[in-house]
PDB file of all heavy atoms in Angstrom:
ATOM      1  N   THR A   1    -150.593 112.110  33.529  1.00  0.00           N
ATOM      2  CA  THR A   1    -151.694 111.889  34.465  1.00  0.00           C
ATOM      3  C   THR A   1    -151.570 110.529  35.131  1.00  0.00           C
ATOM      4  O   THR A   1    -151.789 110.389  36.342  1.00  0.00           O
ATOM      5  CB  THR A   1    -153.047 111.996  33.724  1.00  0.00           C
ATOM      6  OG1 THR A   1    -153.124 113.254  33.046  1.00  0.00           O
ATOM      7  CG2 THR A   1    -154.211 111.881  34.700  1.00  0.00           C
ATOM      8  N   GLN A   2    -151.204 109.509  34.362  1.00  0.00           N
ATOM      9  CA  GLN A   2    -151.035 108.176  34.937  1.00  0.00           C
ATOM     10  C   GLN A   2    -149.887 108.153  35.949  1.00  0.00           C
ATOM     11  O   GLN A   2    -150.006 107.537  37.020  1.00  0.00           O
ATOM     12  CB  GLN A   2    -150.776 107.153  33.834  1.00  0.00           C
ATOM     13  CG  GLN A   2    -150.681 105.724  34.353  1.00  0.00           C
ATOM     14  CD  GLN A   2    -150.638 104.703  33.230  1.00  0.00           C
ATOM     15  OE1 GLN A   2    -150.577 105.043  32.064  1.00  0.00           O
ATOM     16  NE2 GLN A   2    -150.680 103.430  33.597  1.00  0.00           N
ATOM     17  N   THR A   3    -148.801 108.839  35.624  1.00  0.00           N
ATOM     18  CA  THR A   3    -147.674 108.904  36.556  1.00  0.00           C
ATOM     19  C   THR A   3    -148.087 109.596  37.853  1.00  0.00           C
ATOM     20  O   THR A   3    -147.775 109.132  38.961  1.00  0.00           O
ATOM     21  CB  THR A   3    -146.497 109.658  35.912  1.00  0.00           C
ATOM     22  OG1 THR A   3    -146.074 108.947  34.729  1.00  0.00           O
ATOM     23  CG2 THR A   3    -145.326 109.785  36.875  1.00  0.00           C
ATOM     24  N   ALA A   4    -148.813 110.710  37.710  1.00  0.00           N
ATOM     25  CA  ALA A   4    -149.266 111.444  38.896  1.00  0.00           C
ATOM     26  C   ALA A   4    -150.231 110.596  39.719  1.00  0.00           C
ATOM     27  O   ALA A   4    -150.166 110.584  40.953  1.00  0.00           O
ATOM     28  CB  ALA A   4    -149.933 112.752  38.476  1.00  0.00           C
ATOM     29  N   ALA A   5    -151.117 109.860  39.049  1.00  0.00           N
ATOM     30  CA  ALA A   5    -152.087 109.012  39.755  1.00  0.00           C
ATOM     31  C   ALA A   5    -151.370 107.919  40.541  1.00  0.00           C
ATOM     32  O   ALA A   5    -151.754 107.596  41.675  1.00  0.00           O
ATOM     33  CB  ALA A   5    -153.075 108.398  38.764  1.00  0.00           C
ATOM     34  N   SER A   6    -150.330 107.349  39.946  1.00  0.00           N
ATOM     35  CA  SER A   6    -149.563 106.314  40.645  1.00  0.00           C
ATOM     36  C   SER A   6    -148.894 106.878  41.900  1.00  0.00           C
ATOM     37  O   SER A   6    -148.909 106.252  42.968  1.00  0.00           O
ATOM     38  CB  SER A   6    -148.508 105.734  39.700  1.00  0.00           C
ATOM     39  OG  SER A   6    -147.744 104.753  40.354  1.00  0.00           O
ATOM     40  N   THR A   7    -148.351 108.081  41.775  1.00  0.00           N
ATOM     41  CA  THR A   7    -147.723 108.737  42.928  1.00  0.00           C
ATOM     42  C   THR A   7    -148.752 109.046  44.013  1.00  0.00           C
ATOM     43  O   THR A   7    -148.506 108.827  45.206  1.00  0.00           O
ATOM     44  CB  THR A   7    -147.026 110.040  42.493  1.00  0.00           C
ATOM     45  OG1 THR A   7    -146.063 109.739  41.483  1.00  0.00           O
ATOM     46  CG2 THR A   7    -146.345 110.723  43.662  1.00  0.00           C
ATOM     47  N   VAL A   8    -149.911 109.557  43.606  1.00  0.00           N
ATOM     48  CA  VAL A   8    -150.977 109.874  44.559  1.00  0.00           C
ATOM     49  C   VAL A   8    -151.438 108.611  45.280  1.00  0.00           C
ATOM     50  O   VAL A   8    -151.663 108.613  46.492  1.00  0.00           O
ATOM     51  CB  VAL A   8    -152.159 110.559  43.845  1.00  0.00           C
ATOM     52  CG1 VAL A   8    -153.372 110.643  44.758  1.00  0.00           C
ATOM     53  CG2 VAL A   8    -151.765 111.951  43.377  1.00  0.00           C
ATOM     54  N   GLY A   9    -151.534 107.512  44.536  1.00  0.00           N
ATOM     55  CA  GLY A   9    -151.929 106.246  45.156  1.00  0.00           C
ATOM     56  C   GLY A   9    -150.947 105.799  46.224  1.00  0.00           C
ATOM     57  O   GLY A   9    -151.336 105.330  47.297  1.00  0.00           O
ATOM     58  N   THR A  10    -149.646 105.951  45.939  1.00  0.00           N
ATOM     59  CA  THR A  10    -148.611 105.573  46.907  1.00  0.00           C
ATOM     60  C   THR A  10    -148.710 106.438  48.174  1.00  0.00           C
ATOM     61  O   THR A  10    -148.617 105.935  49.300  1.00  0.00           O
ATOM     62  CB  THR A  10    -147.218 105.725  46.270  1.00  0.00           C
ATOM     63  OG1 THR A  10    -147.125 104.875  45.122  1.00  0.00           O
ATOM     64  CG2 THR A  10    -146.127 105.365  47.264  1.00  0.00           C
ATOM     65  N   ILE A  11    -148.913 107.740  47.968  1.00  0.00           N
ATOM     66  CA  ILE A  11    -149.032 108.652  49.119  1.00  0.00           C
ATOM     67  C   ILE A  11    -150.260 108.293  49.947  1.00  0.00           C
ATOM     68  O   ILE A  11    -150.212 108.264  51.190  1.00  0.00           O
ATOM     69  CB  ILE A  11    -149.120 110.118  48.631  1.00  0.00           C
ATOM     70  CG1 ILE A  11    -147.817 110.525  47.951  1.00  0.00           C
ATOM     71  CG2 ILE A  11    -149.452 111.053  49.788  1.00  0.00           C
ATOM     72  CD1 ILE A  11    -147.878 111.892  47.273  1.00  0.00           C
ATOM     73  N   LEU A  12    -151.368 108.013  49.277  1.00  0.00           N
ATOM     74  CA  LEU A  12    -152.607 107.694  49.983  1.00  0.00           C
ATOM     75  C   LEU A  12    -152.467 106.437  50.830  1.00  0.00           C
ATOM     76  O   LEU A  12    -152.950 106.379  51.963  1.00  0.00           O
ATOM     77  CB  LEU A  12    -153.762 107.526  48.992  1.00  0.00           C
ATOM     78  CG  LEU A  12    -154.465 108.810  48.540  1.00  0.00           C
ATOM     79  CD1 LEU A  12    -155.446 108.513  47.416  1.00  0.00           C
ATOM     80  CD2 LEU A  12    -155.187 109.467  49.710  1.00  0.00           C
ATOM     81  N   ARG A  13    -151.798 105.428  50.317  1.00  0.00           N
ATOM     82  CA  ARG A  13    -151.633 104.192  51.081  1.00  0.00           C
ATOM     83  C   ARG A  13    -150.783 104.429  52.336  1.00  0.00           C
ATOM     84  O   ARG A  13    -151.043 103.868  53.397  1.00  0.00           O
ATOM     85  CB  ARG A  13    -151.022 103.107  50.204  1.00  0.00           C
ATOM     86  CG  ARG A  13    -152.028 102.500  49.242  1.00  0.00           C
ATOM     87  CD  ARG A  13    -151.458 101.362  48.414  1.00  0.00           C
ATOM     88  NE  ARG A  13    -152.549 100.673  47.729  1.00  0.00           N
ATOM     89  CZ  ARG A  13    -153.113 101.091  46.608  1.00  0.00           C
ATOM     90  NH1 ARG A  13    -152.662 102.211  46.030  1.00  0.00           N
ATOM     91  NH2 ARG A  13    -154.112 100.438  46.053  1.00  0.00           N
ATOM     92  N   ARG A  14    -149.779 105.276  52.175  1.00  0.00           N
ATOM     93  CA  ARG A  14    -148.960 105.597  53.353  1.00  0.00           C
ATOM     94  C   ARG A  14    -149.767 106.379  54.388  1.00  0.00           C
ATOM     95  O   ARG A  14    -149.713 106.101  55.598  1.00  0.00           O
ATOM     96  CB  ARG A  14    -147.732 106.395  52.921  1.00  0.00           C
ATOM     97  CG  ARG A  14    -146.898 106.903  54.104  1.00  0.00           C
ATOM     98  CD  ARG A  14    -145.582 107.507  53.651  1.00  0.00           C
ATOM     99  NE  ARG A  14    -145.735 108.508  52.622  1.00  0.00           N
ATOM    100  CZ  ARG A  14    -146.099 109.774  52.865  1.00  0.00           C
ATOM    101  NH1 ARG A  14    -146.382 110.166  54.105  1.00  0.00           N
ATOM    102  NH2 ARG A  14    -146.201 110.644  51.883  1.00  0.00           N
ATOM    103  N   LEU A  15    -150.563 107.353  53.906  1.00  0.00           N
ATOM    104  CA  LEU A  15    -151.358 108.174  54.819  1.00  0.00           C
ATOM    105  C   LEU A  15    -152.472 107.357  55.479  1.00  0.00           C
ATOM    106  O   LEU A  15    -152.811 107.579  56.641  1.00  0.00           O
ATOM    107  CB  LEU A  15    -151.975 109.354  54.065  1.00  0.00           C
ATOM    108  CG  LEU A  15    -151.014 110.410  53.525  1.00  0.00           C
ATOM    109  CD1 LEU A  15    -151.770 111.406  52.644  1.00  0.00           C
ATOM    110  CD2 LEU A  15    -150.317 111.150  54.666  1.00  0.00           C
ATOM    111  N   ALA A  16    -153.035 106.423  54.726  1.00  0.00           N
ATOM    112  CA  ALA A  16    -154.165 105.641  55.242  1.00  0.00           C
ATOM    113  C   ALA A  16    -153.716 104.649  56.311  1.00  0.00           C
ATOM    114  O   ALA A  16    -154.388 104.476  57.331  1.00  0.00           O
ATOM    115  CB  ALA A  16    -154.866 104.908  54.099  1.00  0.00           C
ATOM    116  N   GLY A  17    -152.583 104.009  56.091  1.00  0.00           N
ATOM    117  CA  GLY A  17    -152.115 103.000  57.026  1.00  0.00           C
ATOM    118  C   GLY A  17    -153.187 101.959  57.268  1.00  0.00           C
ATOM    119  O   GLY A  17    -153.768 101.414  56.323  1.00  0.00           O
ATOM    120  N   SER A  18    -153.469 101.698  58.527  1.00  0.00           N
ATOM    121  CA  SER A  18    -154.517 100.732  58.881  1.00  0.00           C
ATOM    122  C   SER A  18    -155.864 101.408  59.128  1.00  0.00           C
ATOM    123  O   SER A  18    -156.843 100.759  59.448  1.00  0.00           O
ATOM    124  CB  SER A  18    -154.106  99.951  60.125  1.00  0.00           C
ATOM    125  OG  SER A  18    -153.915 100.844  61.227  1.00  0.00           O
ATOM    126  N   ARG A  19    -155.899 102.747  58.964  1.00  0.00           N
ATOM    127  CA  ARG A  19    -157.132 103.486  59.262  1.00  0.00           C
ATOM    128  C   ARG A  19    -158.160 103.403  58.156  1.00  0.00           C
ATOM    129  O   ARG A  19    -159.355 103.614  58.382  1.00  0.00           O
ATOM    130  CB  ARG A  19    -156.825 104.970  59.497  1.00  0.00           C
ATOM    131  CG  ARG A  19    -155.902 105.260  60.654  1.00  0.00           C
ATOM    132  CD  ARG A  19    -155.725 106.763  60.788  1.00  0.00           C
ATOM    133  NE  ARG A  19    -155.085 107.356  59.609  1.00  0.00           N
ATOM    134  CZ  ARG A  19    -155.057 108.670  59.369  1.00  0.00           C
ATOM    135  NH1 ARG A  19    -155.668 109.509  60.203  1.00  0.00           N
ATOM    136  NH2 ARG A  19    -154.432 109.141  58.308  1.00  0.00           N
ATOM    137  N   ALA A  20    -157.698 103.152  56.933  1.00  0.00           N
ATOM    138  CA  ALA A  20    -158.598 103.212  55.773  1.00  0.00           C
ATOM    139  C   ALA A  20    -158.132 102.237  54.708  1.00  0.00           C
ATOM    140  O   ALA A  20    -156.970 101.808  54.684  1.00  0.00           O
ATOM    141  CB  ALA A  20    -158.639 104.634  55.213  1.00  0.00           C
ATOM    142  N   GLN A  21    -159.054 101.906  53.791  1.00  0.00           N
ATOM    143  CA  GLN A  21    -158.744 101.043  52.654  1.00  0.00           C
ATOM    144  C   GLN A  21    -158.634 101.906  51.404  1.00  0.00           C
ATOM    145  O   GLN A  21    -159.467 102.793  51.180  1.00  0.00           O
ATOM    146  CB  GLN A  21    -159.840  99.996  52.457  1.00  0.00           C
ATOM    147  CG  GLN A  21    -159.597  99.073  51.266  1.00  0.00           C
ATOM    148  CD  GLN A  21    -160.778  98.163  50.986  1.00  0.00           C
ATOM    149  OE1 GLN A  21    -161.876  98.367  51.509  1.00  0.00           O
ATOM    150  NE2 GLN A  21    -160.560  97.149  50.158  1.00  0.00           N
ATOM    151  N   VAL A  22    -157.632 101.638  50.584  1.00  0.00           N
ATOM    152  CA  VAL A  22    -157.410 102.398  49.360  1.00  0.00           C
ATOM    153  C   VAL A  22    -157.527 101.452  48.169  1.00  0.00           C
ATOM    154  O   VAL A  22    -156.864 100.409  48.132  1.00  0.00           O
ATOM    155  CB  VAL A  22    -156.022 103.082  49.364  1.00  0.00           C
ATOM    156  CG1 VAL A  22    -155.793 103.840  48.057  1.00  0.00           C
ATOM    157  CG2 VAL A  22    -155.894 104.023  50.555  1.00  0.00           C
ATOM    158  N   LEU A  23    -158.342 101.812  47.212  1.00  0.00           N
ATOM    159  CA  LEU A  23    -158.499 101.046  45.976  1.00  0.00           C
ATOM    160  C   LEU A  23    -158.064 101.912  44.802  1.00  0.00           C
ATOM    161  O   LEU A  23    -158.535 103.035  44.633  1.00  0.00           O
ATOM    162  CB  LEU A  23    -159.953 100.616  45.778  1.00  0.00           C
ATOM    163  CG  LEU A  23    -160.577  99.692  46.824  1.00  0.00           C
ATOM    164  CD1 LEU A  23    -162.023  99.378  46.446  1.00  0.00           C
ATOM    165  CD2 LEU A  23    -159.777  98.407  46.952  1.00  0.00           C
ATOM    166  N   GLY A  24    -157.178 101.387  43.959  1.00  0.00           N
ATOM    167  CA  GLY A  24    -156.717 102.127  42.794  1.00  0.00           C
ATOM    168  C   GLY A  24    -155.272 102.556  42.970  1.00  0.00           C
ATOM    169  O   GLY A  24    -154.605 102.138  43.923  1.00  0.00           O
ATOM    170  N   PRO A  25    -154.800 103.361  42.021  1.00  0.00           N
ATOM    171  CA  PRO A  25    -155.544 104.063  40.971  1.00  0.00           C
ATOM    172  C   PRO A  25    -155.944 103.158  39.805  1.00  0.00           C
ATOM    173  O   PRO A  25    -155.278 102.157  39.527  1.00  0.00           O
ATOM    174  CB  PRO A  25    -154.559 105.130  40.506  1.00  0.00           C
ATOM    175  CG  PRO A  25    -153.209 104.524  40.766  1.00  0.00           C
ATOM    176  CD  PRO A  25    -153.367 103.711  42.021  1.00  0.00           C
ATOM    177  N   ALA A  26    -157.039 103.561  39.161  1.00  0.00           N
ATOM    178  CA  ALA A  26    -157.531 102.879  37.974  1.00  0.00           C
ATOM    179  C   ALA A  26    -158.161 103.931  37.072  1.00  0.00           C
ATOM    180  O   ALA A  26    -158.584 104.989  37.550  1.00  0.00           O
ATOM    181  CB  ALA A  26    -158.570 101.825  38.355  1.00  0.00           C
ATOM    182  N   PRO A  27    -158.200 103.683  35.766  1.00  0.00           N
ATOM    183  CA  PRO A  27    -158.892 104.624  34.890  1.00  0.00           C
ATOM    184  C   PRO A  27    -160.337 104.824  35.354  1.00  0.00           C
ATOM    185  O   PRO A  27    -161.007 103.875  35.756  1.00  0.00           O
ATOM    186  CB  PRO A  27    -158.838 103.943  33.521  1.00  0.00           C
ATOM    187  CG  PRO A  27    -157.660 103.031  33.602  1.00  0.00           C
ATOM    188  CD  PRO A  27    -157.619 102.549  35.021  1.00  0.00           C
ATOM    189  N   ALA A  28    -160.806 106.056  35.349  1.00  0.00           N
ATOM    190  CA  ALA A  28    -162.191 106.338  35.704  1.00  0.00           C
ATOM    191  C   ALA A  28    -163.118 105.652  34.701  1.00  0.00           C
ATOM    192  O   ALA A  28    -162.709 105.359  33.563  1.00  0.00           O
ATOM    193  CB  ALA A  28    -162.435 107.843  35.702  1.00  0.00           C
ATOM    194  N   PRO A  29    -164.370 105.350  35.092  1.00  0.00           N
ATOM    195  CA  PRO A  29    -165.296 104.717  34.151  1.00  0.00           C
ATOM    196  C   PRO A  29    -165.394 105.461  32.821  1.00  0.00           C
ATOM    197  O   PRO A  29    -165.495 104.841  31.771  1.00  0.00           O
ATOM    198  CB  PRO A  29    -166.618 104.742  34.917  1.00  0.00           C
ATOM    199  CG  PRO A  29    -166.212 104.646  36.350  1.00  0.00           C
ATOM    200  CD  PRO A  29    -164.951 105.455  36.440  1.00  0.00           C
ATOM    201  N   ILE A  30    -165.411 106.784  32.859  1.00  0.00           N
ATOM    202  CA  ILE A  30    -165.237 107.576  31.633  1.00  0.00           C
ATOM    203  C   ILE A  30    -163.796 108.089  31.691  1.00  0.00           C
ATOM    204  O   ILE A  30    -163.492 109.073  32.373  1.00  0.00           O
ATOM    205  CB  ILE A  30    -166.243 108.736  31.555  1.00  0.00           C
ATOM    206  CG1 ILE A  30    -167.666 108.196  31.572  1.00  0.00           C
ATOM    207  CG2 ILE A  30    -166.020 109.555  30.280  1.00  0.00           C
ATOM    208  CD1 ILE A  30    -168.733 109.268  31.525  1.00  0.00           C
ATOM    209  N   ALA A  31    -162.902 107.377  30.997  1.00  0.00           N
ATOM    210  CA  ALA A  31    -161.467 107.592  31.171  1.00  0.00           C
ATOM    211  C   ALA A  31    -160.985 108.914  30.579  1.00  0.00           C
ATOM    212  O   ALA A  31    -159.918 109.405  30.947  1.00  0.00           O
ATOM    213  CB  ALA A  31    -160.693 106.438  30.538  1.00  0.00           C
ATOM    214  N   ARG A  32    -161.767 109.485  29.657  1.00  0.00           N
ATOM    215  CA  ARG A  32    -161.403 110.782  29.093  1.00  0.00           C
ATOM    216  C   ARG A  32    -162.664 111.629  29.046  1.00  0.00           C
ATOM    217  O   ARG A  32    -163.693 111.213  28.514  1.00  0.00           O
ATOM    218  CB  ARG A  32    -160.810 110.612  27.686  1.00  0.00           C
ATOM    219  CG  ARG A  32    -160.306 111.913  27.069  1.00  0.00           C
ATOM    220  CD  ARG A  32    -159.536 111.640  25.776  1.00  0.00           C
ATOM    221  NE  ARG A  32    -159.177 112.848  25.065  1.00  0.00           N
ATOM    222  CZ  ARG A  32    -158.147 113.634  25.379  1.00  0.00           C
ATOM    223  NH1 ARG A  32    -157.379 113.314  26.400  1.00  0.00           N
ATOM    224  NH2 ARG A  32    -157.884 114.727  24.691  1.00  0.00           N
TER     225      ARG A  32
END
């Protein structure tokens, strides 16, 4: 899950570019 989240974060930053701000990935407040 952590590996997938890291990959998703990388994709999101590329897709967002200058149009949006991306924060994370980070464990959810309730991590499990």
